[in-house]
Amino acid sequence: MPPQIAFLFGFATAFALMFIYRRGISRGRKETGHAAASREVETRNDHQDQVDHLRRRLAVLERITIDPATRTARDIDALSDHAN
């Protein structure tokens, strides 16, 4: 088989596979059973972790607004350390 035909065949195959893959994603393949439940629990745990992190940051910001200036500087430094 000439190299040009092999290249065109490979290119057409890759294009067809990409089209099929993207079409499946756009239709929103649904997971069922244990995998779906596991992913939902994992997502819920991730969201809860994010909420807990934001609550801690909010508590620091609340302390910064009501505490004296010496503590404010220390808390700002601590807040910037948590952001990294």
PDB file of N, CA and C in Angstrom:
ATOM      1  N   MET A   1       0.860  -1.172   0.000  1.00  0.00           N
ATOM      2  CA  MET A   1       0.000   0.000   0.000  1.00  0.00           C
ATOM      3  C   MET A   1       0.909   1.239   0.000  1.00  0.00           C
ATOM      4  N   PRO A   2       0.660   2.172  -0.882  1.00  0.00           N
ATOM      5  CA  PRO A   2       1.468   3.404  -0.923  1.00  0.00           C
ATOM      6  C   PRO A   2       1.319   4.186   0.382  1.00  0.00           C
ATOM      7  N   PRO A   3       2.366   4.897   0.769  1.00  0.00           N
ATOM      8  CA  PRO A   3       2.327   5.644   2.038  1.00  0.00           C
ATOM      9  C   PRO A   3       1.224   6.695   2.089  1.00  0.00           C
ATOM     10  N   GLN A   4       0.912   7.301   0.950  1.00  0.00           N
ATOM     11  CA  GLN A   4      -0.130   8.330   0.948  1.00  0.00           C
ATOM     12  C   GLN A   4      -1.493   7.725   1.274  1.00  0.00           C
ATOM     13  N   ILE A   5      -1.771   6.559   0.762  1.00  0.00           N
ATOM     14  CA  ILE A   5      -3.051   5.910   1.032  1.00  0.00           C
ATOM     15  C   ILE A   5      -3.121   5.458   2.484  1.00  0.00           C
ATOM     16  N   ALA A   6      -2.010   4.934   3.011  1.00  0.00           N
ATOM     17  CA  ALA A   6      -1.971   4.528   4.419  1.00  0.00           C
ATOM     18  C   ALA A   6      -2.208   5.734   5.330  1.00  0.00           C
ATOM     19  N   PHE A   7      -1.596   6.870   4.973  1.00  0.00           N
ATOM     20  CA  PHE A   7      -1.789   8.085   5.761  1.00  0.00           C
ATOM     21  C   PHE A   7      -3.250   8.529   5.720  1.00  0.00           C
ATOM     22  N   LEU A   8      -3.838   8.546   4.543  1.00  0.00           N
ATOM     23  CA  LEU A   8      -5.238   8.959   4.422  1.00  0.00           C
ATOM     24  C   LEU A   8      -6.162   8.000   5.174  1.00  0.00           C
ATOM     25  N   PHE A   9      -5.882   6.700   5.104  1.00  0.00           N
ATOM     26  CA  PHE A   9      -6.687   5.723   5.827  1.00  0.00           C
ATOM     27  C   PHE A   9      -6.577   5.951   7.339  1.00  0.00           C
ATOM     28  N   GLY A  10      -5.369   6.167   7.828  1.00  0.00           N
ATOM     29  CA  GLY A  10      -5.163   6.444   9.256  1.00  0.00           C
ATOM     30  C   GLY A  10      -5.847   7.725   9.687  1.00  0.00           C
ATOM     31  N   PHE A  11      -5.730   8.765   8.868  1.00  0.00           N
ATOM     32  CA  PHE A  11      -6.364  10.042   9.186  1.00  0.00           C
ATOM     33  C   PHE A  11      -7.884   9.900   9.238  1.00  0.00           C
ATOM     34  N   ALA A  12      -8.456   9.198   8.263  1.00  0.00           N
ATOM     35  CA  ALA A  12      -9.904   9.008   8.234  1.00  0.00           C
ATOM     36  C   ALA A  12     -10.373   8.188   9.433  1.00  0.00           C
ATOM     37  N   THR A  13      -9.593   7.181   9.803  1.00  0.00           N
ATOM     38  CA  THR A  13      -9.948   6.362  10.962  1.00  0.00           C
ATOM     39  C   THR A  13      -9.911   7.194  12.237  1.00  0.00           C
ATOM     40  N   ALA A  14      -8.854   7.978  12.412  1.00  0.00           N
ATOM     41  CA  ALA A  14      -8.746   8.830  13.606  1.00  0.00           C
ATOM     42  C   ALA A  14      -9.890   9.829  13.660  1.00  0.00           C
ATOM     43  N   PHE A  15     -10.218  10.427  12.543  1.00  0.00           N
ATOM     44  CA  PHE A  15     -11.312  11.393  12.492  1.00  0.00           C
ATOM     45  C   PHE A  15     -12.642  10.725  12.863  1.00  0.00           C
ATOM     46  N   ALA A  16     -12.886   9.523  12.330  1.00  0.00           N
ATOM     47  CA  ALA A  16     -14.135   8.816  12.627  1.00  0.00           C
ATOM     48  C   ALA A  16     -14.218   8.464  14.109  1.00  0.00           C
ATOM     49  N   LEU A  17     -13.110   8.000  14.689  1.00  0.00           N
ATOM     50  CA  LEU A  17     -13.118   7.663  16.118  1.00  0.00           C
ATOM     51  C   LEU A  17     -13.349   8.899  16.973  1.00  0.00           C
ATOM     52  N   MET A  18     -12.728  10.014  16.601  1.00  0.00           N
ATOM     53  CA  MET A  18     -12.927  11.254  17.351  1.00  0.00           C
ATOM     54  C   MET A  18     -14.394  11.696  17.267  1.00  0.00           C
ATOM     55  N   PHE A  19     -14.981  11.591  16.098  1.00  0.00           N
ATOM     56  CA  PHE A  19     -16.378  11.969  15.917  1.00  0.00           C
ATOM     57  C   PHE A  19     -17.287  11.100  16.780  1.00  0.00           C
ATOM     58  N   ILE A  20     -17.066   9.797  16.767  1.00  0.00           N
ATOM     59  CA  ILE A  20     -17.890   8.881  17.566  1.00  0.00           C
ATOM     60  C   ILE A  20     -17.731   9.178  19.057  1.00  0.00           C
ATOM     61  N   TYR A  21     -16.499   9.408  19.505  1.00  0.00           N
ATOM     62  CA  TYR A  21     -16.240   9.696  20.909  1.00  0.00           C
ATOM     63  C   TYR A  21     -16.938  10.986  21.348  1.00  0.00           C
ATOM     64  N   ARG A  22     -16.782  12.041  20.573  1.00  0.00           N
ATOM     65  CA  ARG A  22     -17.402  13.322  20.939  1.00  0.00           C
ATOM     66  C   ARG A  22     -18.929  13.242  20.889  1.00  0.00           C
ATOM     67  N   ARG A  23     -19.451  12.495  19.978  1.00  0.00           N
ATOM     68  CA  ARG A  23     -20.900  12.354  19.894  1.00  0.00           C
ATOM     69  C   ARG A  23     -21.440  11.653  21.136  1.00  0.00           C
ATOM     70  N   GLY A  24     -20.727  10.643  21.604  1.00  0.00           N
ATOM     71  CA  GLY A  24     -21.136   9.947  22.831  1.00  0.00           C
ATOM     72  C   GLY A  24     -21.108  10.862  24.032  1.00  0.00           C
ATOM     73  N   ILE A  25     -20.106  11.729  24.105  1.00  0.00           N
ATOM     74  CA  ILE A  25     -20.013  12.670  25.231  1.00  0.00           C
ATOM     75  C   ILE A  25     -21.144  13.684  25.155  1.00  0.00           C
ATOM     76  N   SER A  26     -21.432  14.194  23.965  1.00  0.00           N
ATOM     77  CA  SER A  26     -22.461  15.226  23.849  1.00  0.00           C
ATOM     78  C   SER A  26     -23.845  14.673  24.174  1.00  0.00           C
ATOM     79  N   ARG A  27     -24.032  13.393  23.981  1.00  0.00           N
ATOM     80  CA  ARG A  27     -25.314  12.800  24.353  1.00  0.00           C
ATOM     81  C   ARG A  27     -25.412  12.572  25.849  1.00  0.00           C
ATOM     82  N   GLY A  28     -24.323  12.746  26.563  1.00  0.00           N
ATOM     83  CA  GLY A  28     -24.340  12.620  28.018  1.00  0.00           C
ATOM     84  C   GLY A  28     -24.572  11.207  28.486  1.00  0.00           C
ATOM     85  N   ARG A  29     -23.645  10.337  28.130  1.00  0.00           N
ATOM     86  CA  ARG A  29     -23.775   8.946  28.576  1.00  0.00           C
ATOM     87  C   ARG A  29     -23.967   8.909  30.081  1.00  0.00           C
ATOM     88  N   LYS A  30     -24.975   8.191  30.504  1.00  0.00           N
ATOM     89  CA  LYS A  30     -25.306   8.109  31.921  1.00  0.00           C
ATOM     90  C   LYS A  30     -24.671   6.870  32.529  1.00  0.00           C
ATOM     91  N   GLU A  31     -24.117   7.056  33.709  1.00  0.00           N
ATOM     92  CA  GLU A  31     -23.603   5.926  34.458  1.00  0.00           C
ATOM     93  C   GLU A  31     -24.737   5.361  35.293  1.00  0.00           C
ATOM     94  N   THR A  32     -24.724   4.079  35.486  1.00  0.00           N
ATOM     95  CA  THR A  32     -25.759   3.460  36.294  1.00  0.00           C
ATOM     96  C   THR A  32     -25.119   2.560  37.328  1.00  0.00           C
ATOM     97  N   GLY A  33     -25.883   2.238  38.311  1.00  0.00           N
ATOM     98  CA  GLY A  33     -25.457   1.266  39.303  1.00  0.00           C
ATOM     99  C   GLY A  33     -24.415   1.801  40.261  1.00  0.00           C
ATOM    100  N   HIS A  34     -23.512   0.912  40.627  1.00  0.00           N
ATOM    101  CA  HIS A  34     -22.517   1.206  41.653  1.00  0.00           C
ATOM    102  C   HIS A  34     -21.575   2.335  41.233  1.00  0.00           C
ATOM    103  N   ALA A  35     -21.185   2.368  39.971  1.00  0.00           N
ATOM    104  CA  ALA A  35     -20.262   3.408  39.509  1.00  0.00           C
ATOM    105  C   ALA A  35     -20.873   4.794  39.655  1.00  0.00           C
ATOM    106  N   ALA A  36     -22.148   4.924  39.309  1.00  0.00           N
ATOM    107  CA  ALA A  36     -22.817   6.220  39.424  1.00  0.00           C
ATOM    108  C   ALA A  36     -22.942   6.639  40.883  1.00  0.00           C
ATOM    109  N   ALA A  37     -23.305   5.704  41.750  1.00  0.00           N
ATOM    110  CA  ALA A  37     -23.442   6.012  43.172  1.00  0.00           C
ATOM    111  C   ALA A  37     -22.095   6.393  43.769  1.00  0.00           C
ATOM    112  N   SER A  38     -21.057   5.690  43.367  1.00  0.00           N
ATOM    113  CA  SER A  38     -19.721   5.980  43.868  1.00  0.00           C
ATOM    114  C   SER A  38     -19.266   7.363  43.433  1.00  0.00           C
ATOM    115  N   ARG A  39     -19.503   7.697  42.172  1.00  0.00           N
ATOM    116  CA  ARG A  39     -19.108   9.014  41.678  1.00  0.00           C
ATOM    117  C   ARG A  39     -19.909  10.114  42.367  1.00  0.00           C
ATOM    118  N   GLU A  40     -21.175   9.870  42.633  1.00  0.00           N
ATOM    119  CA  GLU A  40     -22.010  10.865  43.313  1.00  0.00           C
ATOM    120  C   GLU A  40     -21.509  11.106  44.732  1.00  0.00           C
ATOM    121  N   VAL A  41     -21.159  10.049  45.432  1.00  0.00           N
ATOM    122  CA  VAL A  41     -20.631  10.191  46.794  1.00  0.00           C
ATOM    123  C   VAL A  41     -19.308  10.938  46.766  1.00  0.00           C
ATOM    124  N   GLU A  42     -18.458  10.611  45.796  1.00  0.00           N
ATOM    125  CA  GLU A  42     -17.171  11.292  45.671  1.00  0.00           C
ATOM    126  C   GLU A  42     -17.365  12.778  45.394  1.00  0.00           C
ATOM    127  N   THR A  43     -18.298  13.106  44.514  1.00  0.00           N
ATOM    128  CA  THR A  43     -18.582  14.505  44.197  1.00  0.00           C
ATOM    129  C   THR A  43     -19.134  15.230  45.412  1.00  0.00           C
ATOM    130  N   ARG A  44     -20.031  14.579  46.137  1.00  0.00           N
ATOM    131  CA  ARG A  44     -20.604  15.182  47.334  1.00  0.00           C
ATOM    132  C   ARG A  44     -19.514  15.442  48.373  1.00  0.00           C
ATOM    133  N   ASN A  45     -18.588  14.498  48.538  1.00  0.00           N
ATOM    134  CA  ASN A  45     -17.483  14.681  49.494  1.00  0.00           C
ATOM    135  C   ASN A  45     -16.579  15.832  49.066  1.00  0.00           C
ATOM    136  N   ASP A  46     -16.299  15.929  47.770  1.00  0.00           N
ATOM    137  CA  ASP A  46     -15.483  17.039  47.274  1.00  0.00           C
ATOM    138  C   ASP A  46     -16.156  18.376  47.546  1.00  0.00           C
ATOM    139  N   HIS A  47     -17.454  18.441  47.307  1.00  0.00           N
ATOM    140  CA  HIS A  47     -18.187  19.686  47.556  1.00  0.00           C
ATOM    141  C   HIS A  47     -18.182  20.022  49.046  1.00  0.00           C
ATOM    142  N   GLN A  48     -18.349  19.015  49.891  1.00  0.00           N
ATOM    143  CA  GLN A  48     -18.334  19.265  51.333  1.00  0.00           C
ATOM    144  C   GLN A  48     -16.963  19.766  51.778  1.00  0.00           C
ATOM    145  N   ASP A  49     -15.894  19.210  51.221  1.00  0.00           N
ATOM    146  CA  ASP A  49     -14.548  19.682  51.538  1.00  0.00           C
ATOM    147  C   ASP A  49     -14.368  21.137  51.132  1.00  0.00           C
ATOM    148  N   GLN A  50     -14.885  21.497  49.967  1.00  0.00           N
ATOM    149  CA  GLN A  50     -14.787  22.881  49.514  1.00  0.00           C
ATOM    150  C   GLN A  50     -15.579  23.813  50.426  1.00  0.00           C
ATOM    151  N   VAL A  51     -16.750  23.393  50.842  1.00  0.00           N
ATOM    152  CA  VAL A  51     -17.574  24.214  51.747  1.00  0.00           C
ATOM    153  C   VAL A  51     -16.861  24.385  53.084  1.00  0.00           C
ATOM    154  N   ASP A  52     -16.278  23.312  53.614  1.00  0.00           N
ATOM    155  CA  ASP A  52     -15.551  23.407  54.879  1.00  0.00           C
ATOM    156  C   ASP A  52     -14.370  24.364  54.762  1.00  0.00           C
ATOM    157  N   HIS A  53     -13.647  24.278  53.655  1.00  0.00           N
ATOM    158  CA  HIS A  53     -12.512  25.171  53.428  1.00  0.00           C
ATOM    159  C   HIS A  53     -12.985  26.626  53.376  1.00  0.00           C
ATOM    160  N   LEU A  54     -14.062  26.892  52.675  1.00  0.00           N
ATOM    161  CA  LEU A  54     -14.583  28.256  52.587  1.00  0.00           C
ATOM    162  C   LEU A  54     -15.085  28.758  53.932  1.00  0.00           C
ATOM    163  N   ARG A  55     -15.657  27.881  54.721  1.00  0.00           N
ATOM    164  CA  ARG A  55     -16.101  28.288  56.065  1.00  0.00           C
ATOM    165  C   ARG A  55     -14.919  28.692  56.936  1.00  0.00           C
ATOM    166  N   ARG A  56     -13.824  27.933  56.847  1.00  0.00           N
ATOM    167  CA  ARG A  56     -12.625  28.293  57.628  1.00  0.00           C
ATOM    168  C   ARG A  56     -12.085  29.641  57.180  1.00  0.00           C
ATOM    169  N   ARG A  57     -12.051  29.855  55.878  1.00  0.00           N
ATOM    170  CA  ARG A  57     -11.566  31.145  55.372  1.00  0.00           C
ATOM    171  C   ARG A  57     -12.484  32.292  55.794  1.00  0.00           C
ATOM    172  N   LEU A  58     -13.786  32.045  55.777  1.00  0.00           N
ATOM    173  CA  LEU A  58     -14.733  33.067  56.200  1.00  0.00           C
ATOM    174  C   LEU A  58     -14.546  33.393  57.681  1.00  0.00           C
ATOM    175  N   ALA A  59     -14.295  32.387  58.494  1.00  0.00           N
ATOM    176  CA  ALA A  59     -14.068  32.629  59.922  1.00  0.00           C
ATOM    177  C   ALA A  59     -12.852  33.527  60.125  1.00  0.00           C
ATOM    178  N   VAL A  60     -11.788  33.293  59.357  1.00  0.00           N
ATOM    179  CA  VAL A  60     -10.602  34.141  59.453  1.00  0.00           C
ATOM    180  C   VAL A  60     -10.937  35.557  59.032  1.00  0.00           C
ATOM    181  N   LEU A  61     -11.684  35.710  57.963  1.00  0.00           N
ATOM    182  CA  LEU A  61     -12.054  37.058  57.507  1.00  0.00           C
ATOM    183  C   LEU A  61     -12.927  37.775  58.532  1.00  0.00           C
ATOM    184  N   GLU A  62     -13.815  37.047  59.190  1.00  0.00           N
ATOM    185  CA  GLU A  62     -14.635  37.659  60.232  1.00  0.00           C
ATOM    186  C   GLU A  62     -13.783  38.118  61.398  1.00  0.00           C
ATOM    187  N   ARG A  63     -12.803  37.299  61.782  1.00  0.00           N
ATOM    188  CA  ARG A  63     -11.903  37.711  62.871  1.00  0.00           C
ATOM    189  C   ARG A  63     -11.098  38.936  62.479  1.00  0.00           C
ATOM    190  N   ILE A  64     -10.672  38.994  61.227  1.00  0.00           N
ATOM    191  CA  ILE A  64      -9.886  40.137  60.766  1.00  0.00           C
ATOM    192  C   ILE A  64     -10.695  41.428  60.887  1.00  0.00           C
ATOM    193  N   THR A  65     -11.973  41.364  60.594  1.00  0.00           N
ATOM    194  CA  THR A  65     -12.776  42.592  60.628  1.00  0.00           C
ATOM    195  C   THR A  65     -13.071  43.084  62.030  1.00  0.00           C
ATOM    196  N   ILE A  66     -13.020  42.216  63.039  1.00  0.00           N
ATOM    197  CA  ILE A  66     -13.401  42.656  64.384  1.00  0.00           C
ATOM    198  C   ILE A  66     -12.258  42.660  65.385  1.00  0.00           C
ATOM    199  N   ASP A  67     -11.091  42.135  65.053  1.00  0.00           N
ATOM    200  CA  ASP A  67      -9.972  42.067  65.995  1.00  0.00           C
ATOM    201  C   ASP A  67      -9.070  43.295  65.885  1.00  0.00           C
ATOM    202  N   PRO A  68      -8.243  43.506  66.935  1.00  0.00           N
ATOM    203  CA  PRO A  68      -7.293  44.623  66.898  1.00  0.00           C
ATOM    204  C   PRO A  68      -6.264  44.460  65.774  1.00  0.00           C
ATOM    205  N   ALA A  69      -5.557  45.531  65.490  1.00  0.00           N
ATOM    206  CA  ALA A  69      -4.633  45.574  64.350  1.00  0.00           C
ATOM    207  C   ALA A  69      -3.488  44.558  64.467  1.00  0.00           C
ATOM    208  N   THR A  70      -2.989  44.292  65.664  1.00  0.00           N
ATOM    209  CA  THR A  70      -1.855  43.368  65.794  1.00  0.00           C
ATOM    210  C   THR A  70      -2.255  41.952  65.381  1.00  0.00           C
ATOM    211  N   ARG A  71      -3.428  41.552  65.799  1.00  0.00           N
ATOM    212  CA  ARG A  71      -3.910  40.229  65.397  1.00  0.00           C
ATOM    213  C   ARG A  71      -4.296  40.209  63.930  1.00  0.00           C
ATOM    214  N   THR A  72      -4.748  41.338  63.427  1.00  0.00           N
ATOM    215  CA  THR A  72      -5.162  41.408  62.025  1.00  0.00           C
ATOM    216  C   THR A  72      -3.991  41.085  61.099  1.00  0.00           C
ATOM    217  N   ALA A  73      -2.838  41.653  61.367  1.00  0.00           N
ATOM    218  CA  ALA A  73      -1.665  41.394  60.521  1.00  0.00           C
ATOM    219  C   ALA A  73      -1.301  39.914  60.556  1.00  0.00           C
ATOM    220  N   ARG A  74      -1.335  39.323  61.728  1.00  0.00           N
ATOM    221  CA  ARG A  74      -1.005  37.895  61.863  1.00  0.00           C
ATOM    222  C   ARG A  74      -2.019  37.039  61.105  1.00  0.00           C
ATOM    223  N   ASP A  75      -3.299  37.378  61.204  1.00  0.00           N
ATOM    224  CA  ASP A  75      -4.328  36.599  60.510  1.00  0.00           C
ATOM    225  C   ASP A  75      -4.259  36.759  58.992  1.00  0.00           C
ATOM    226  N   ILE A  76      -3.885  37.944  58.541  1.00  0.00           N
ATOM    227  CA  ILE A  76      -3.733  38.136  57.094  1.00  0.00           C
ATOM    228  C   ILE A  76      -2.613  37.248  56.581  1.00  0.00           C
ATOM    229  N   ASP A  77      -1.507  37.203  57.324  1.00  0.00           N
ATOM    230  CA  ASP A  77      -0.416  36.314  56.933  1.00  0.00           C
ATOM    231  C   ASP A  77      -0.848  34.861  56.928  1.00  0.00           C
ATOM    232  N   ALA A  78      -1.613  34.466  57.939  1.00  0.00           N
ATOM    233  CA  ALA A  78      -2.086  33.086  58.002  1.00  0.00           C
ATOM    234  C   ALA A  78      -3.034  32.781  56.845  1.00  0.00           C
ATOM    235  N   LEU A  79      -3.861  33.748  56.497  1.00  0.00           N
ATOM    236  CA  LEU A  79      -4.797  33.551  55.395  1.00  0.00           C
ATOM    237  C   LEU A  79      -4.051  33.387  54.071  1.00  0.00           C
ATOM    238  N   SER A  80      -3.022  34.180  53.863  1.00  0.00           N
ATOM    239  CA  SER A  80      -2.259  34.048  52.617  1.00  0.00           C
ATOM    240  C   SER A  80      -1.508  32.726  52.577  1.00  0.00           C
ATOM    241  N   ASP A  81      -1.081  32.204  53.732  1.00  0.00           N
ATOM    242  CA  ASP A  81      -0.440  30.891  53.777  1.00  0.00           C
ATOM    243  C   ASP A  81      -1.408  29.793  53.425  1.00  0.00           C
ATOM    244  N   HIS A  82      -2.672  29.906  53.832  1.00  0.00           N
ATOM    245  CA  HIS A  82      -3.686  28.891  53.529  1.00  0.00           C
ATOM    246  C   HIS A  82      -4.057  28.903  52.058  1.00  0.00           C
ATOM    247  N   ALA A  83      -3.973  30.063  51.417  1.00  0.00           N
ATOM    248  CA  ALA A  83      -4.353  30.161  50.017  1.00  0.00           C
ATOM    249  C   ALA A  83      -3.380  29.405  49.122  1.00  0.00           C
ATOM    250  N   ASN A  84      -2.152  29.271  49.552  1.00  0.00           N
ATOM    251  CA  ASN A  84      -1.159  28.555  48.736  1.00  0.00           C
ATOM    252  C   ASN A  84      -1.299  27.131  49.004  1.00  0.00           C
TER     253      ASN A  84
END
